[in-house]
Amino acid sequence: MFKGLGGLGDMGKMMKAAQEMQGKMAQMQEEMVNIMVEGQAGAGMVKATCSAKGDLKALNIDPTIFNSDDKEVVEDLIVAAIKDAQEKASEKAKEEMGKITEGLGLPPGMKLPF
């Protein structure tokens, strides 16, 4: 009587796997606040620390670069260090999310959430 419904078990497994993945993704989003990356500019004279979510958490500037004549250079180094840290944060976030999705058999480059 129910022979045609054999595929429902597979659908149930897929739904359970999707719920588990959703829970793991939510947990990873929370953990990304605590994962820190550092960007640098000017051979490390300016360092910016961001969370894996891309939020700027700290800025460290070597005091030897403070010279009123070099104000624009210092500003450029600060911006460069922040951009470097944010790019690293983005890469780290992709890496961490990849750990969750690698076992799902999704095509390479498929982005989640949809």
PDB file of N, CA and C in Angstrom:
ATOM      1  N   MET A   1       0.807  -1.197   0.000  1.00  0.00           N
ATOM      2  CA  MET A   1       0.000   0.000   0.000  1.00  0.00           C
ATOM      3  C   MET A   1       0.850   1.260   0.000  1.00  0.00           C
ATOM      4  N   PHE A   2       1.986   1.245   0.752  1.00  0.00           N
ATOM      5  CA  PHE A   2       2.833   2.430   0.857  1.00  0.00           C
ATOM      6  C   PHE A   2       4.135   2.302   0.076  1.00  0.00           C
ATOM      7  N   LYS A   3       4.197   1.425  -0.903  1.00  0.00           N
ATOM      8  CA  LYS A   3       5.430   1.214  -1.645  1.00  0.00           C
ATOM      9  C   LYS A   3       5.904   2.483  -2.344  1.00  0.00           C
ATOM     10  N   GLY A   4       5.025   3.283  -2.818  1.00  0.00           N
ATOM     11  CA  GLY A   4       5.390   4.513  -3.529  1.00  0.00           C
ATOM     12  C   GLY A   4       5.920   5.602  -2.615  1.00  0.00           C
ATOM     13  N   LEU A   5       5.878   5.400  -1.321  1.00  0.00           N
ATOM     14  CA  LEU A   5       6.313   6.427  -0.365  1.00  0.00           C
ATOM     15  C   LEU A   5       7.701   6.151   0.191  1.00  0.00           C
ATOM     16  N   GLY A   6       8.444   5.235  -0.416  1.00  0.00           N
ATOM     17  CA  GLY A   6       9.769   4.878   0.084  1.00  0.00           C
ATOM     18  C   GLY A   6      10.742   6.033   0.090  1.00  0.00           C
ATOM     19  N   GLY A   7      10.573   7.004  -0.776  1.00  0.00           N
ATOM     20  CA  GLY A   7      11.466   8.161  -0.842  1.00  0.00           C
ATOM     21  C   GLY A   7      11.281   9.140   0.299  1.00  0.00           C
ATOM     22  N   LEU A   8      10.191   9.013   1.044  1.00  0.00           N
ATOM     23  CA  LEU A   8       9.951   9.939   2.154  1.00  0.00           C
ATOM     24  C   LEU A   8      10.989   9.794   3.251  1.00  0.00           C
ATOM     25  N   GLY A   9      11.511   8.584   3.427  1.00  0.00           N
ATOM     26  CA  GLY A   9      12.562   8.386   4.420  1.00  0.00           C
ATOM     27  C   GLY A   9      13.794   9.199   4.068  1.00  0.00           C
ATOM     28  N   ASP A  10      14.134   9.225   2.780  1.00  0.00           N
ATOM     29  CA  ASP A  10      15.270  10.034   2.333  1.00  0.00           C
ATOM     30  C   ASP A  10      15.002  11.520   2.559  1.00  0.00           C
ATOM     31  N   MET A  11      13.782  11.941   2.323  1.00  0.00           N
ATOM     32  CA  MET A  11      13.416  13.339   2.532  1.00  0.00           C
ATOM     33  C   MET A  11      13.550  13.688   4.009  1.00  0.00           C
ATOM     34  N   GLY A  12      13.144  12.763   4.860  1.00  0.00           N
ATOM     35  CA  GLY A  12      13.281  12.983   6.306  1.00  0.00           C
ATOM     36  C   GLY A  12      14.734  13.123   6.708  1.00  0.00           C
ATOM     37  N   LYS A  13      15.604  12.307   6.115  1.00  0.00           N
ATOM     38  CA  LYS A  13      17.042  12.400   6.399  1.00  0.00           C
ATOM     39  C   LYS A  13      17.589  13.739   5.933  1.00  0.00           C
ATOM     40  N   MET A  14      17.139  14.163   4.755  1.00  0.00           N
ATOM     41  CA  MET A  14      17.605  15.458   4.224  1.00  0.00           C
ATOM     42  C   MET A  14      17.170  16.604   5.130  1.00  0.00           C
ATOM     43  N   MET A  15      15.942  16.549   5.618  1.00  0.00           N
ATOM     44  CA  MET A  15      15.441  17.608   6.495  1.00  0.00           C
ATOM     45  C   MET A  15      16.212  17.629   7.813  1.00  0.00           C
ATOM     46  N   LYS A  16      16.500  16.447   8.339  1.00  0.00           N
ATOM     47  CA  LYS A  16      17.257  16.366   9.586  1.00  0.00           C
ATOM     48  C   LYS A  16      18.663  16.922   9.376  1.00  0.00           C
ATOM     49  N   ALA A  17      19.298  16.551   8.239  1.00  0.00           N
ATOM     50  CA  ALA A  17      20.644  17.063   7.940  1.00  0.00           C
ATOM     51  C   ALA A  17      20.620  18.578   7.768  1.00  0.00           C
ATOM     52  N   ALA A  18      19.572  19.095   7.145  1.00  0.00           N
ATOM     53  CA  ALA A  18      19.458  20.548   6.956  1.00  0.00           C
ATOM     54  C   ALA A  18      19.314  21.263   8.293  1.00  0.00           C
ATOM     55  N   GLN A  19      18.536  20.680   9.204  1.00  0.00           N
ATOM     56  CA  GLN A  19      18.374  21.282  10.526  1.00  0.00           C
ATOM     57  C   GLN A  19      19.681  21.258  11.308  1.00  0.00           C
ATOM     58  N   GLU A  20      20.414  20.143  11.197  1.00  0.00           N
ATOM     59  CA  GLU A  20      21.709  20.053  11.878  1.00  0.00           C
ATOM     60  C   GLU A  20      22.676  21.093  11.323  1.00  0.00           C
ATOM     61  N   MET A  21      22.686  21.237   9.997  1.00  0.00           N
ATOM     62  CA  MET A  21      23.573  22.211   9.381  1.00  0.00           C
ATOM     63  C   MET A  21      23.194  23.627   9.806  1.00  0.00           C
ATOM     64  N   GLN A  22      21.902  23.908   9.877  1.00  0.00           N
ATOM     65  CA  GLN A  22      21.451  25.224  10.299  1.00  0.00           C
ATOM     66  C   GLN A  22      21.932  25.523  11.723  1.00  0.00           C
ATOM     67  N   GLY A  23      21.847  24.533  12.591  1.00  0.00           N
ATOM     68  CA  GLY A  23      22.327  24.709  13.962  1.00  0.00           C
ATOM     69  C   GLY A  23      23.828  24.950  14.006  1.00  0.00           C
ATOM     70  N   LYS A  24      24.581  24.197  13.199  1.00  0.00           N
ATOM     71  CA  LYS A  24      26.034  24.374  13.148  1.00  0.00           C
ATOM     72  C   LYS A  24      26.398  25.745  12.602  1.00  0.00           C
ATOM     73  N   MET A  25      25.652  26.205  11.588  1.00  0.00           N
ATOM     74  CA  MET A  25      25.933  27.526  11.021  1.00  0.00           C
ATOM     75  C   MET A  25      25.660  28.626  12.040  1.00  0.00           C
ATOM     76  N   ALA A  26      24.582  28.499  12.781  1.00  0.00           N
ATOM     77  CA  ALA A  26      24.266  29.490  13.815  1.00  0.00           C
ATOM     78  C   ALA A  26      25.359  29.510  14.883  1.00  0.00           C
ATOM     79  N   GLN A  27      25.818  28.329  15.261  1.00  0.00           N
ATOM     80  CA  GLN A  27      26.894  28.245  16.255  1.00  0.00           C
ATOM     81  C   GLN A  27      28.175  28.884  15.709  1.00  0.00           C
ATOM     82  N   MET A  28      28.479  28.621  14.439  1.00  0.00           N
ATOM     83  CA  MET A  28      29.684  29.186  13.826  1.00  0.00           C
ATOM     84  C   MET A  28      29.598  30.709  13.768  1.00  0.00           C
ATOM     85  N   GLN A  29      28.429  31.242  13.465  1.00  0.00           N
ATOM     86  CA  GLN A  29      28.258  32.693  13.440  1.00  0.00           C
ATOM     87  C   GLN A  29      28.586  33.299  14.802  1.00  0.00           C
ATOM     88  N   GLU A  30      28.164  32.621  15.862  1.00  0.00           N
ATOM     89  CA  GLU A  30      28.465  33.096  17.215  1.00  0.00           C
ATOM     90  C   GLU A  30      29.959  33.006  17.507  1.00  0.00           C
ATOM     91  N   GLU A  31      30.596  31.929  17.041  1.00  0.00           N
ATOM     92  CA  GLU A  31      32.021  31.741  17.297  1.00  0.00           C
ATOM     93  C   GLU A  31      32.884  32.727  16.518  1.00  0.00           C
ATOM     94  N   MET A  32      32.412  33.197  15.372  1.00  0.00           N
ATOM     95  CA  MET A  32      33.204  34.116  14.558  1.00  0.00           C
ATOM     96  C   MET A  32      33.471  35.439  15.257  1.00  0.00           C
ATOM     97  N   VAL A  33      32.674  35.756  16.248  1.00  0.00           N
ATOM     98  CA  VAL A  33      32.902  36.970  17.031  1.00  0.00           C
ATOM     99  C   VAL A  33      34.201  36.840  17.821  1.00  0.00           C
ATOM    100  N   ASN A  34      34.561  35.603  18.195  1.00  0.00           N
ATOM    101  CA  ASN A  34      35.738  35.373  19.024  1.00  0.00           C
ATOM    102  C   ASN A  34      36.990  34.988  18.235  1.00  0.00           C
ATOM    103  N   ILE A  35      36.850  34.737  16.936  1.00  0.00           N
ATOM    104  CA  ILE A  35      38.008  34.401  16.103  1.00  0.00           C
ATOM    105  C   ILE A  35      38.621  35.705  15.615  1.00  0.00           C
ATOM    106  N   MET A  36      39.887  35.929  15.947  1.00  0.00           N
ATOM    107  CA  MET A  36      40.549  37.186  15.587  1.00  0.00           C
ATOM    108  C   MET A  36      41.597  36.972  14.503  1.00  0.00           C
ATOM    109  N   VAL A  37      41.709  37.964  13.624  1.00  0.00           N
ATOM    110  CA  VAL A  37      42.743  37.992  12.598  1.00  0.00           C
ATOM    111  C   VAL A  37      43.407  39.363  12.652  1.00  0.00           C
ATOM    112  N   GLU A  38      44.647  39.415  12.174  1.00  0.00           N
ATOM    113  CA  GLU A  38      45.394  40.670  12.227  1.00  0.00           C
ATOM    114  C   GLU A  38      45.835  41.062  10.823  1.00  0.00           C
ATOM    115  N   GLY A  39      45.620  42.316  10.484  1.00  0.00           N
ATOM    116  CA  GLY A  39      46.111  42.878   9.240  1.00  0.00           C
ATOM    117  C   GLY A  39      47.211  43.867   9.557  1.00  0.00           C
ATOM    118  N   GLN A  40      48.136  44.025   8.608  1.00  0.00           N
ATOM    119  CA  GLN A  40      49.266  44.916   8.839  1.00  0.00           C
ATOM    120  C   GLN A  40      49.510  45.809   7.634  1.00  0.00           C
ATOM    121  N   ALA A  41      50.169  46.916   7.891  1.00  0.00           N
ATOM    122  CA  ALA A  41      50.620  47.817   6.831  1.00  0.00           C
ATOM    123  C   ALA A  41      51.906  48.483   7.305  1.00  0.00           C
ATOM    124  N   GLY A  42      52.682  48.953   6.336  1.00  0.00           N
ATOM    125  CA  GLY A  42      53.923  49.638   6.690  1.00  0.00           C
ATOM    126  C   GLY A  42      54.894  48.735   7.409  1.00  0.00           C
ATOM    127  N   ALA A  43      55.052  47.517   6.910  1.00  0.00           N
ATOM    128  CA  ALA A  43      55.978  46.542   7.508  1.00  0.00           C
ATOM    129  C   ALA A  43      55.676  46.311   8.991  1.00  0.00           C
ATOM    130  N   GLY A  44      54.383  46.289   9.326  1.00  0.00           N
ATOM    131  CA  GLY A  44      53.973  46.003  10.695  1.00  0.00           C
ATOM    132  C   GLY A  44      53.920  47.218  11.599  1.00  0.00           C
ATOM    133  N   MET A  45      54.147  48.397  11.052  1.00  0.00           N
ATOM    134  CA  MET A  45      54.096  49.597  11.897  1.00  0.00           C
ATOM    135  C   MET A  45      52.664  49.941  12.298  1.00  0.00           C
ATOM    136  N   VAL A  46      51.708  49.515  11.485  1.00  0.00           N
ATOM    137  CA  VAL A  46      50.295  49.682  11.822  1.00  0.00           C
ATOM    138  C   VAL A  46      49.650  48.304  11.744  1.00  0.00           C
ATOM    139  N   LYS A  47      48.986  47.906  12.837  1.00  0.00           N
ATOM    140  CA  LYS A  47      48.331  46.602  12.900  1.00  0.00           C
ATOM    141  C   LYS A  47      46.872  46.798  13.300  1.00  0.00           C
ATOM    142  N   ALA A  48      46.001  46.108  12.593  1.00  0.00           N
ATOM    143  CA  ALA A  48      44.574  46.156  12.907  1.00  0.00           C
ATOM    144  C   ALA A  48      44.105  44.737  13.195  1.00  0.00           C
ATOM    145  N   THR A  49      43.299  44.593  14.237  1.00  0.00           N
ATOM    146  CA  THR A  49      42.747  43.294  14.606  1.00  0.00           C
ATOM    147  C   THR A  49      41.243  43.338  14.401  1.00  0.00           C
ATOM    148  N   CYS A  50      40.732  42.335  13.663  1.00  0.00           N
ATOM    149  CA  CYS A  50      39.298  42.220  13.398  1.00  0.00           C
ATOM    150  C   CYS A  50      38.814  40.848  13.827  1.00  0.00           C
ATOM    151  N   SER A  51      37.522  40.784  14.144  1.00  0.00           N
ATOM    152  CA  SER A  51      36.904  39.472  14.352  1.00  0.00           C
ATOM    153  C   SER A  51      36.678  38.864  12.975  1.00  0.00           C
ATOM    154  N   ALA A  52      36.417  37.570  12.932  1.00  0.00           N
ATOM    155  CA  ALA A  52      36.150  36.906  11.658  1.00  0.00           C
ATOM    156  C   ALA A  52      34.875  37.441  11.012  1.00  0.00           C
ATOM    157  N   LYS A  53      34.070  38.161  11.769  1.00  0.00           N
ATOM    158  CA  LYS A  53      32.882  38.811  11.214  1.00  0.00           C
ATOM    159  C   LYS A  53      33.241  40.133  10.548  1.00  0.00           C
ATOM    160  N   GLY A  54      34.496  40.584  10.721  1.00  0.00           N
ATOM    161  CA  GLY A  54      34.946  41.818  10.088  1.00  0.00           C
ATOM    162  C   GLY A  54      34.867  43.047  10.965  1.00  0.00           C
ATOM    163  N   ASP A  55      34.523  42.880  12.225  1.00  0.00           N
ATOM    164  CA  ASP A  55      34.433  44.018  13.141  1.00  0.00           C
ATOM    165  C   ASP A  55      35.823  44.387  13.644  1.00  0.00           C
ATOM    166  N   LEU A  56      36.192  45.658  13.522  1.00  0.00           N
ATOM    167  CA  LEU A  56      37.472  46.148  14.002  1.00  0.00           C
ATOM    168  C   LEU A  56      37.482  46.094  15.525  1.00  0.00           C
ATOM    169  N   LYS A  57      38.480  45.410  16.091  1.00  0.00           N
ATOM    170  CA  LYS A  57      38.555  45.240  17.543  1.00  0.00           C
ATOM    171  C   LYS A  57      39.711  46.008  18.167  1.00  0.00           C
ATOM    172  N   ALA A  58      40.819  46.159  17.427  1.00  0.00           N
ATOM    173  CA  ALA A  58      41.979  46.846  17.991  1.00  0.00           C
ATOM    174  C   ALA A  58      42.805  47.451  16.859  1.00  0.00           C
ATOM    175  N   LEU A  59      43.517  48.493  17.216  1.00  0.00           N
ATOM    176  CA  LEU A  59      44.415  49.176  16.285  1.00  0.00           C
ATOM    177  C   LEU A  59      45.691  49.491  17.047  1.00  0.00           C
ATOM    178  N   ASN A  60      46.842  49.054  16.519  1.00  0.00           N
ATOM    179  CA  ASN A  60      48.121  49.273  17.174  1.00  0.00           C
ATOM    180  C   ASN A  60      49.012  50.038  16.203  1.00  0.00           C
ATOM    181  N   ILE A  61      49.474  51.203  16.637  1.00  0.00           N
ATOM    182  CA  ILE A  61      50.300  52.054  15.781  1.00  0.00           C
ATOM    183  C   ILE A  61      51.644  52.280  16.461  1.00  0.00           C
ATOM    184  N   ASP A  62      52.708  51.956  15.737  1.00  0.00           N
ATOM    185  CA  ASP A  62      54.067  52.190  16.239  1.00  0.00           C
ATOM    186  C   ASP A  62      54.254  53.703  16.394  1.00  0.00           C
ATOM    187  N   PRO A  63      54.626  54.170  17.582  1.00  0.00           N
ATOM    188  CA  PRO A  63      54.732  55.615  17.818  1.00  0.00           C
ATOM    189  C   PRO A  63      55.810  56.307  16.971  1.00  0.00           C
ATOM    190  N   THR A  64      56.733  55.564  16.421  1.00  0.00           N
ATOM    191  CA  THR A  64      57.789  56.200  15.625  1.00  0.00           C
ATOM    192  C   THR A  64      57.279  56.776  14.307  1.00  0.00           C
ATOM    193  N   ILE A  65      56.062  56.402  13.893  1.00  0.00           N
ATOM    194  CA  ILE A  65      55.558  56.937  12.630  1.00  0.00           C
ATOM    195  C   ILE A  65      54.824  58.264  12.795  1.00  0.00           C
ATOM    196  N   PHE A  66      54.663  58.714  14.038  1.00  0.00           N
ATOM    197  CA  PHE A  66      53.971  59.978  14.255  1.00  0.00           C
ATOM    198  C   PHE A  66      54.892  61.155  13.997  1.00  0.00           C
ATOM    199  N   ASN A  67      54.613  61.805  12.916  1.00  0.00           N
ATOM    200  CA  ASN A  67      55.341  62.998  12.515  1.00  0.00           C
ATOM    201  C   ASN A  67      54.313  63.846  11.779  1.00  0.00           C
ATOM    202  N   SER A  68      54.159  65.084  12.181  1.00  0.00           N
ATOM    203  CA  SER A  68      53.108  65.916  11.600  1.00  0.00           C
ATOM    204  C   SER A  68      53.241  66.053  10.080  1.00  0.00           C
ATOM    205  N   ASP A  69      54.449  65.894   9.555  1.00  0.00           N
ATOM    206  CA  ASP A  69      54.645  65.991   8.110  1.00  0.00           C
ATOM    207  C   ASP A  69      54.126  64.750   7.381  1.00  0.00           C
ATOM    208  N   ASP A  70      53.998  63.643   8.095  1.00  0.00           N
ATOM    209  CA  ASP A  70      53.600  62.380   7.485  1.00  0.00           C
ATOM    210  C   ASP A  70      52.163  61.992   7.817  1.00  0.00           C
ATOM    211  N   LYS A  71      51.338  62.969   8.150  1.00  0.00           N
ATOM    212  CA  LYS A  71      49.964  62.683   8.561  1.00  0.00           C
ATOM    213  C   LYS A  71      49.222  61.841   7.522  1.00  0.00           C
ATOM    214  N   GLU A  72      49.318  62.197   6.247  1.00  0.00           N
ATOM    215  CA  GLU A  72      48.602  61.460   5.203  1.00  0.00           C
ATOM    216  C   GLU A  72      49.129  60.033   5.058  1.00  0.00           C
ATOM    217  N   VAL A  73      50.422  59.853   5.226  1.00  0.00           N
ATOM    218  CA  VAL A  73      51.013  58.520   5.143  1.00  0.00           C
ATOM    219  C   VAL A  73      50.478  57.648   6.271  1.00  0.00           C
ATOM    220  N   VAL A  74      50.429  58.201   7.470  1.00  0.00           N
ATOM    221  CA  VAL A  74      49.919  57.457   8.630  1.00  0.00           C
ATOM    222  C   VAL A  74      48.452  57.086   8.402  1.00  0.00           C
ATOM    223  N   GLU A  75      47.664  58.026   7.907  1.00  0.00           N
ATOM    224  CA  GLU A  75      46.262  57.739   7.641  1.00  0.00           C
ATOM    225  C   GLU A  75      46.117  56.617   6.604  1.00  0.00           C
ATOM    226  N   ASP A  76      46.926  56.661   5.554  1.00  0.00           N
ATOM    227  CA  ASP A  76      46.889  55.619   4.525  1.00  0.00           C
ATOM    228  C   ASP A  76      47.272  54.262   5.099  1.00  0.00           C
ATOM    229  N   LEU A  77      48.284  54.243   5.983  1.00  0.00           N
ATOM    230  CA  LEU A  77      48.700  52.983   6.608  1.00  0.00           C
ATOM    231  C   LEU A  77      47.592  52.410   7.493  1.00  0.00           C
ATOM    232  N   ILE A  78      46.900  53.280   8.198  1.00  0.00           N
ATOM    233  CA  ILE A  78      45.803  52.831   9.056  1.00  0.00           C
ATOM    234  C   ILE A  78      44.702  52.202   8.206  1.00  0.00           C
ATOM    235  N   VAL A  79      44.322  52.880   7.142  1.00  0.00           N
ATOM    236  CA  VAL A  79      43.279  52.343   6.257  1.00  0.00           C
ATOM    237  C   VAL A  79      43.729  51.019   5.643  1.00  0.00           C
ATOM    238  N   ALA A  80      44.977  50.943   5.213  1.00  0.00           N
ATOM    239  CA  ALA A  80      45.501  49.714   4.602  1.00  0.00           C
ATOM    240  C   ALA A  80      45.504  48.554   5.592  1.00  0.00           C
ATOM    241  N   ALA A  81      45.884  48.823   6.827  1.00  0.00           N
ATOM    242  CA  ALA A  81      45.907  47.764   7.845  1.00  0.00           C
ATOM    243  C   ALA A  81      44.493  47.262   8.144  1.00  0.00           C
ATOM    244  N   ILE A  82      43.542  48.168   8.209  1.00  0.00           N
ATOM    245  CA  ILE A  82      42.153  47.781   8.473  1.00  0.00           C
ATOM    246  C   ILE A  82      41.610  46.953   7.311  1.00  0.00           C
ATOM    247  N   LYS A  83      41.877  47.393   6.080  1.00  0.00           N
ATOM    248  CA  LYS A  83      41.419  46.630   4.916  1.00  0.00           C
ATOM    249  C   LYS A  83      42.045  45.240   4.889  1.00  0.00           C
ATOM    250  N   ASP A  84      43.326  45.151   5.220  1.00  0.00           N
ATOM    251  CA  ASP A  84      44.012  43.865   5.251  1.00  0.00           C
ATOM    252  C   ASP A  84      43.362  42.938   6.282  1.00  0.00           C
ATOM    253  N   ALA A  85      43.077  43.480   7.451  1.00  0.00           N
ATOM    254  CA  ALA A  85      42.448  42.674   8.505  1.00  0.00           C
ATOM    255  C   ALA A  85      41.046  42.233   8.092  1.00  0.00           C
ATOM    256  N   GLN A  86      40.291  43.116   7.448  1.00  0.00           N
ATOM    257  CA  GLN A  86      38.936  42.756   7.035  1.00  0.00           C
ATOM    258  C   GLN A  86      38.955  41.695   5.929  1.00  0.00           C
ATOM    259  N   GLU A  87      39.917  41.775   5.020  1.00  0.00           N
ATOM    260  CA  GLU A  87      40.045  40.755   3.975  1.00  0.00           C
ATOM    261  C   GLU A  87      40.389  39.403   4.596  1.00  0.00           C
ATOM    262  N   LYS A  88      41.302  39.417   5.571  1.00  0.00           N
ATOM    263  CA  LYS A  88      41.656  38.174   6.260  1.00  0.00           C
ATOM    264  C   LYS A  88      40.463  37.635   7.042  1.00  0.00           C
ATOM    265  N   ALA A  89      39.672  38.525   7.613  1.00  0.00           N
ATOM    266  CA  ALA A  89      38.480  38.107   8.347  1.00  0.00           C
ATOM    267  C   ALA A  89      37.494  37.419   7.405  1.00  0.00           C
ATOM    268  N   SER A  90      37.323  37.970   6.225  1.00  0.00           N
ATOM    269  CA  SER A  90      36.423  37.378   5.239  1.00  0.00           C
ATOM    270  C   SER A  90      36.898  35.993   4.820  1.00  0.00           C
ATOM    271  N   GLU A  91      38.190  35.856   4.584  1.00  0.00           N
ATOM    272  CA  GLU A  91      38.756  34.557   4.208  1.00  0.00           C
ATOM    273  C   GLU A  91      38.604  33.544   5.343  1.00  0.00           C
ATOM    274  N   LYS A  92      38.820  33.998   6.568  1.00  0.00           N
ATOM    275  CA  LYS A  92      38.681  33.106   7.725  1.00  0.00           C
ATOM    276  C   LYS A  92      37.228  32.647   7.872  1.00  0.00           C
ATOM    277  N   ALA A  93      36.289  33.561   7.655  1.00  0.00           N
ATOM    278  CA  ALA A  93      34.874  33.208   7.744  1.00  0.00           C
ATOM    279  C   ALA A  93      34.524  32.157   6.690  1.00  0.00           C
ATOM    280  N   LYS A  94      35.018  32.340   5.464  1.00  0.00           N
ATOM    281  CA  LYS A  94      34.770  31.355   4.405  1.00  0.00           C
ATOM    282  C   LYS A  94      35.363  30.004   4.775  1.00  0.00           C
ATOM    283  N   GLU A  95      36.565  30.038   5.330  1.00  0.00           N
ATOM    284  CA  GLU A  95      37.242  28.796   5.739  1.00  0.00           C
ATOM    285  C   GLU A  95      36.435  28.062   6.808  1.00  0.00           C
ATOM    286  N   GLU A  96      35.961  28.802   7.804  1.00  0.00           N
ATOM    287  CA  GLU A  96      35.206  28.191   8.898  1.00  0.00           C
ATOM    288  C   GLU A  96      33.871  27.640   8.401  1.00  0.00           C
ATOM    289  N   MET A  97      33.192  28.352   7.524  1.00  0.00           N
ATOM    290  CA  MET A  97      31.928  27.876   6.981  1.00  0.00           C
ATOM    291  C   MET A  97      32.162  26.666   6.085  1.00  0.00           C
ATOM    292  N   GLY A  98      33.290  26.637   5.395  1.00  0.00           N
ATOM    293  CA  GLY A  98      33.631  25.501   4.549  1.00  0.00           C
ATOM    294  C   GLY A  98      33.762  24.220   5.348  1.00  0.00           C
ATOM    295  N   LYS A  99      34.230  24.345   6.581  1.00  0.00           N
ATOM    296  CA  LYS A  99      34.355  23.168   7.450  1.00  0.00           C
ATOM    297  C   LYS A  99      32.987  22.547   7.718  1.00  0.00           C
ATOM    298  N   ILE A 100      31.982  23.376   7.822  1.00  0.00           N
ATOM    299  CA  ILE A 100      30.629  22.890   8.097  1.00  0.00           C
ATOM    300  C   ILE A 100      30.036  22.234   6.851  1.00  0.00           C
ATOM    301  N   THR A 101      30.239  22.825   5.700  1.00  0.00           N
ATOM    302  CA  THR A 101      29.570  22.372   4.487  1.00  0.00           C
ATOM    303  C   THR A 101      30.321  21.302   3.709  1.00  0.00           C
ATOM    304  N   GLU A 102      31.575  21.014   4.048  1.00  0.00           N
ATOM    305  CA  GLU A 102      32.362  20.078   3.241  1.00  0.00           C
ATOM    306  C   GLU A 102      31.784  18.667   3.227  1.00  0.00           C
ATOM    307  N   GLY A 103      31.118  18.256   4.256  1.00  0.00           N
ATOM    308  CA  GLY A 103      30.561  16.920   4.310  1.00  0.00           C
ATOM    309  C   GLY A 103      29.202  16.777   3.645  1.00  0.00           C
ATOM    310  N   LEU A 104      28.691  17.867   3.099  1.00  0.00           N
ATOM    311  CA  LEU A 104      27.354  17.820   2.515  1.00  0.00           C
ATOM    312  C   LEU A 104      27.342  17.412   1.051  1.00  0.00           C
ATOM    313  N   GLY A 105      28.501  17.373   0.405  1.00  0.00           N
ATOM    314  CA  GLY A 105      28.555  17.000  -0.998  1.00  0.00           C
ATOM    315  C   GLY A 105      28.034  18.082  -1.916  1.00  0.00           C
ATOM    316  N   LEU A 106      28.125  19.333  -1.490  1.00  0.00           N
ATOM    317  CA  LEU A 106      27.676  20.444  -2.333  1.00  0.00           C
ATOM    318  C   LEU A 106      28.718  20.749  -3.398  1.00  0.00           C
ATOM    319  N   PRO A 107      28.297  21.295  -4.524  1.00  0.00           N
ATOM    320  CA  PRO A 107      29.258  21.654  -5.562  1.00  0.00           C
ATOM    321  C   PRO A 107      30.245  22.698  -5.045  1.00  0.00           C
ATOM    322  N   PRO A 108      31.506  22.655  -5.504  1.00  0.00           N
ATOM    323  CA  PRO A 108      32.501  23.642  -5.076  1.00  0.00           C
ATOM    324  C   PRO A 108      32.023  25.062  -5.398  1.00  0.00           C
ATOM    325  N   GLY A 109      32.240  25.964  -4.475  1.00  0.00           N
ATOM    326  CA  GLY A 109      31.897  27.361  -4.692  1.00  0.00           C
ATOM    327  C   GLY A 109      30.456  27.708  -4.364  1.00  0.00           C
ATOM    328  N   MET A 110      29.644  26.735  -4.002  1.00  0.00           N
ATOM    329  CA  MET A 110      28.262  27.017  -3.649  1.00  0.00           C
ATOM    330  C   MET A 110      28.239  27.751  -2.320  1.00  0.00           C
ATOM    331  N   LYS A 111      27.559  28.880  -2.294  1.00  0.00           N
ATOM    332  CA  LYS A 111      27.550  29.707  -1.090  1.00  0.00           C
ATOM    333  C   LYS A 111      26.308  29.432  -0.267  1.00  0.00           C
ATOM    334  N   LEU A 112      26.526  29.366   1.033  1.00  0.00           N
ATOM    335  CA  LEU A 112      25.425  29.211   1.972  1.00  0.00           C
ATOM    336  C   LEU A 112      25.482  30.365   2.957  1.00  0.00           C
ATOM    337  N   PRO A 113      24.413  30.835   3.512  1.00  0.00           N
ATOM    338  CA  PRO A 113      23.060  30.442   3.176  1.00  0.00           C
ATOM    339  C   PRO A 113      22.692  30.950   1.787  1.00  0.00           C
ATOM    340  N   PHE A 114      21.711  30.310   1.192  1.00  0.00           N
ATOM    341  CA  PHE A 114      21.330  30.563  -0.193  1.00  0.00           C
ATOM    342  C   PHE A 114      20.940  31.953  -0.372  1.00  0.00           C
TER     343      PHE A 114
END
